[in-house]
């Protein structure tokens, strides 16, 4: 999970918390980022179930905290 949550993806999550239910293009414009890159990040975050993609193309995140536990076997 740590590898999937890059600094840019954290940035997208923060933006989604500030502007919920936004579309990919609007999110990319707000972040001044390429739509293709934002799309890739949203797909990765959706696979982790951190963001939700709506049927109407909206993207949102209801998470305000991410807790991760790593167990290393002895």
N, C-alpha and C. Protein backbone atom coordinates (compact mmCIF):
# COMPACT_ATOMS: atom_id res chain seq x y z
N UNK A 1 0.82 -1.19 0.00
CA UNK A 1 0.00 0.00 0.00
C UNK A 1 0.87 1.26 0.00
N UNK A 2 1.97 1.22 0.72
CA UNK A 2 2.84 2.39 0.79
C UNK A 2 3.35 2.80 -0.58
N UNK A 3 3.66 1.82 -1.42
CA UNK A 3 4.15 2.13 -2.76
C UNK A 3 3.06 2.75 -3.61
N UNK A 4 1.81 2.38 -3.38
CA UNK A 4 0.70 2.90 -4.17
C UNK A 4 0.31 4.32 -3.77
N UNK A 5 0.57 4.69 -2.53
CA UNK A 5 0.19 6.03 -2.04
C UNK A 5 1.36 6.99 -2.18
N UNK A 6 1.60 7.40 -3.40
CA UNK A 6 2.69 8.33 -3.71
C UNK A 6 2.30 9.75 -3.27
N UNK A 7 3.26 10.65 -3.19
CA UNK A 7 2.93 12.04 -2.84
C UNK A 7 1.88 12.68 -3.76
N UNK A 8 1.94 12.39 -5.05
CA UNK A 8 0.95 12.95 -5.99
C UNK A 8 -0.44 12.38 -5.72
N UNK A 9 -0.50 11.13 -5.34
CA UNK A 9 -1.81 10.52 -5.04
C UNK A 9 -2.38 11.08 -3.75
N UNK A 10 -1.52 11.35 -2.78
CA UNK A 10 -1.99 12.04 -1.57
C UNK A 10 -2.56 13.41 -1.94
N UNK A 11 -1.88 14.09 -2.86
CA UNK A 11 -2.34 15.40 -3.32
C UNK A 11 -3.74 15.29 -3.94
N UNK A 12 -3.96 14.25 -4.74
CA UNK A 12 -5.28 14.05 -5.35
C UNK A 12 -6.34 13.76 -4.29
N UNK A 13 -5.98 12.97 -3.28
CA UNK A 13 -6.93 12.68 -2.20
C UNK A 13 -7.30 13.95 -1.44
N UNK A 14 -6.32 14.79 -1.16
CA UNK A 14 -6.61 16.06 -0.47
C UNK A 14 -7.53 16.93 -1.32
N UNK A 15 -7.28 16.97 -2.61
CA UNK A 15 -8.12 17.77 -3.50
C UNK A 15 -9.54 17.22 -3.54
N UNK A 16 -9.69 15.91 -3.54
CA UNK A 16 -11.02 15.31 -3.55
C UNK A 16 -11.77 15.57 -2.25
N UNK A 17 -11.06 15.64 -1.14
CA UNK A 17 -11.72 15.96 0.13
C UNK A 17 -12.21 17.40 0.13
N UNK A 18 -11.52 18.28 -0.56
CA UNK A 18 -11.92 19.69 -0.62
C UNK A 18 -13.04 19.91 -1.62
N UNK A 19 -13.04 19.14 -2.68
CA UNK A 19 -14.05 19.28 -3.73
C UNK A 19 -14.63 17.91 -4.05
N UNK A 20 -15.55 17.42 -3.23
CA UNK A 20 -16.10 16.09 -3.46
C UNK A 20 -16.96 16.03 -4.72
N UNK A 21 -17.10 14.82 -5.25
CA UNK A 21 -17.94 14.57 -6.43
C UNK A 21 -17.52 15.39 -7.64
N UNK A 22 -16.25 15.41 -7.92
CA UNK A 22 -15.74 16.12 -9.08
C UNK A 22 -15.41 15.12 -10.19
N UNK A 23 -15.29 15.58 -11.40
CA UNK A 23 -14.91 14.73 -12.51
C UNK A 23 -13.41 14.71 -12.69
N UNK A 24 -12.92 13.77 -13.48
CA UNK A 24 -11.48 13.66 -13.71
C UNK A 24 -10.89 14.92 -14.33
N UNK A 25 -11.54 15.45 -15.33
CA UNK A 25 -11.01 16.64 -16.01
C UNK A 25 -10.98 17.84 -15.08
N UNK A 26 -12.03 18.01 -14.30
CA UNK A 26 -12.07 19.12 -13.34
C UNK A 26 -10.98 18.96 -12.29
N UNK A 27 -10.78 17.73 -11.83
CA UNK A 27 -9.74 17.47 -10.85
C UNK A 27 -8.36 17.76 -11.44
N UNK A 28 -8.13 17.32 -12.67
CA UNK A 28 -6.85 17.57 -13.33
C UNK A 28 -6.60 19.07 -13.50
N UNK A 29 -7.65 19.79 -13.88
CA UNK A 29 -7.50 21.26 -14.02
C UNK A 29 -7.19 21.90 -12.69
N UNK A 30 -7.88 21.49 -11.64
CA UNK A 30 -7.67 22.08 -10.31
C UNK A 30 -6.25 21.83 -9.81
N UNK A 31 -5.69 20.69 -10.19
CA UNK A 31 -4.34 20.33 -9.77
C UNK A 31 -3.27 20.76 -10.76
N UNK A 32 -3.71 21.29 -11.91
CA UNK A 32 -2.80 21.66 -12.99
C UNK A 32 -1.94 20.46 -13.40
N UNK A 33 -2.63 19.32 -13.60
CA UNK A 33 -1.98 18.08 -13.97
C UNK A 33 -2.60 17.51 -15.23
N UNK A 34 -1.89 16.63 -15.88
CA UNK A 34 -2.36 15.96 -17.09
C UNK A 34 -3.51 15.00 -16.74
N UNK A 35 -4.58 15.02 -17.53
CA UNK A 35 -5.75 14.18 -17.28
C UNK A 35 -5.36 12.70 -17.26
N UNK A 36 -4.48 12.29 -18.16
CA UNK A 36 -4.08 10.89 -18.24
C UNK A 36 -3.40 10.44 -16.93
N UNK A 37 -2.56 11.29 -16.37
CA UNK A 37 -1.88 10.95 -15.11
C UNK A 37 -2.86 10.89 -13.95
N UNK A 38 -3.78 11.85 -13.91
CA UNK A 38 -4.79 11.87 -12.85
C UNK A 38 -5.67 10.62 -12.97
N UNK A 39 -6.03 10.26 -14.18
CA UNK A 39 -6.83 9.05 -14.41
C UNK A 39 -6.11 7.82 -13.86
N UNK A 40 -4.84 7.69 -14.18
CA UNK A 40 -4.06 6.54 -13.68
C UNK A 40 -4.03 6.49 -12.16
N UNK A 41 -3.87 7.65 -11.55
CA UNK A 41 -3.86 7.71 -10.09
C UNK A 41 -5.23 7.35 -9.51
N UNK A 42 -6.28 7.83 -10.12
CA UNK A 42 -7.64 7.53 -9.65
C UNK A 42 -7.93 6.04 -9.79
N UNK A 43 -7.50 5.43 -10.87
CA UNK A 43 -7.70 3.99 -11.05
C UNK A 43 -6.98 3.22 -9.94
N UNK A 44 -5.74 3.60 -9.65
CA UNK A 44 -4.97 2.93 -8.60
C UNK A 44 -5.63 3.11 -7.24
N UNK A 45 -6.10 4.31 -6.96
CA UNK A 45 -6.75 4.58 -5.67
C UNK A 45 -8.11 3.89 -5.57
N UNK A 46 -8.80 3.74 -6.69
CA UNK A 46 -10.07 3.03 -6.69
C UNK A 46 -9.85 1.54 -6.43
N UNK A 47 -8.78 0.98 -6.95
CA UNK A 47 -8.46 -0.42 -6.70
C UNK A 47 -8.20 -0.67 -5.21
N UNK A 48 -7.66 0.33 -4.53
CA UNK A 48 -7.42 0.24 -3.09
C UNK A 48 -8.67 0.61 -2.28
N UNK A 49 -9.73 0.96 -3.00
CA UNK A 49 -11.02 1.37 -2.40
C UNK A 49 -10.89 2.62 -1.55
N UNK A 50 -10.00 3.51 -1.95
CA UNK A 50 -9.83 4.79 -1.27
C UNK A 50 -10.67 5.86 -1.95
N UNK A 51 -10.88 5.72 -3.25
CA UNK A 51 -11.77 6.62 -3.98
C UNK A 51 -12.87 5.81 -4.64
N UNK A 52 -13.96 6.48 -4.92
CA UNK A 52 -15.12 5.85 -5.55
C UNK A 52 -15.40 6.57 -6.85
N UNK A 53 -15.60 5.81 -7.91
CA UNK A 53 -15.95 6.39 -9.21
C UNK A 53 -17.44 6.19 -9.43
N UNK A 54 -18.14 7.28 -9.67
CA UNK A 54 -19.57 7.22 -9.89
C UNK A 54 -19.93 6.87 -11.32
N UNK A 55 -21.15 6.43 -11.52
CA UNK A 55 -21.63 6.07 -12.85
C UNK A 55 -21.65 7.28 -13.78
N UNK A 56 -21.77 8.48 -13.21
CA UNK A 56 -21.82 9.71 -14.01
C UNK A 56 -20.43 10.28 -14.28
N UNK A 57 -19.37 9.53 -13.92
CA UNK A 57 -18.01 10.00 -14.17
C UNK A 57 -17.41 10.75 -13.01
N UNK A 58 -18.15 10.91 -11.93
CA UNK A 58 -17.62 11.64 -10.78
C UNK A 58 -16.62 10.77 -10.02
N UNK A 59 -15.76 11.45 -9.28
CA UNK A 59 -14.77 10.80 -8.45
C UNK A 59 -14.88 11.41 -7.07
N UNK A 60 -14.90 10.58 -6.04
CA UNK A 60 -14.99 11.12 -4.68
C UNK A 60 -14.23 10.22 -3.72
N UNK A 61 -13.95 10.78 -2.56
CA UNK A 61 -13.30 10.04 -1.49
C UNK A 61 -13.95 10.44 -0.18
N UNK A 62 -14.45 9.46 0.52
CA UNK A 62 -15.06 9.74 1.81
C UNK A 62 -14.10 9.47 2.95
N UNK A 63 -12.92 8.99 2.64
CA UNK A 63 -11.92 8.68 3.67
C UNK A 63 -11.26 9.96 4.14
N UNK A 64 -11.18 10.12 5.45
CA UNK A 64 -10.42 11.24 5.98
C UNK A 64 -9.21 10.74 6.76
N UNK A 65 -9.06 9.42 6.76
CA UNK A 65 -7.92 8.82 7.45
C UNK A 65 -7.61 7.48 6.79
N UNK A 66 -6.33 7.20 6.62
CA UNK A 66 -5.90 5.92 6.08
C UNK A 66 -4.98 5.29 7.11
N UNK A 67 -5.35 4.12 7.56
CA UNK A 67 -4.54 3.41 8.54
C UNK A 67 -4.03 2.14 7.89
N UNK A 68 -2.74 1.93 7.99
CA UNK A 68 -2.13 0.75 7.38
C UNK A 68 -1.28 0.04 8.43
N UNK A 69 -1.39 -1.26 8.47
CA UNK A 69 -0.60 -2.08 9.39
C UNK A 69 0.21 -3.06 8.58
N UNK A 70 1.47 -3.12 8.85
CA UNK A 70 2.36 -4.07 8.18
C UNK A 70 2.88 -5.05 9.22
N UNK A 71 2.75 -6.30 8.91
CA UNK A 71 3.24 -7.32 9.82
C UNK A 71 4.41 -8.03 9.15
N UNK A 72 5.48 -8.12 9.86
CA UNK A 72 6.66 -8.79 9.34
C UNK A 72 6.86 -10.07 10.16
N UNK A 73 6.73 -11.19 9.49
CA UNK A 73 6.88 -12.48 10.18
C UNK A 73 8.32 -12.69 10.59
N UNK A 74 8.49 -13.29 11.75
CA UNK A 74 9.84 -13.55 12.28
C UNK A 74 10.41 -14.81 11.67
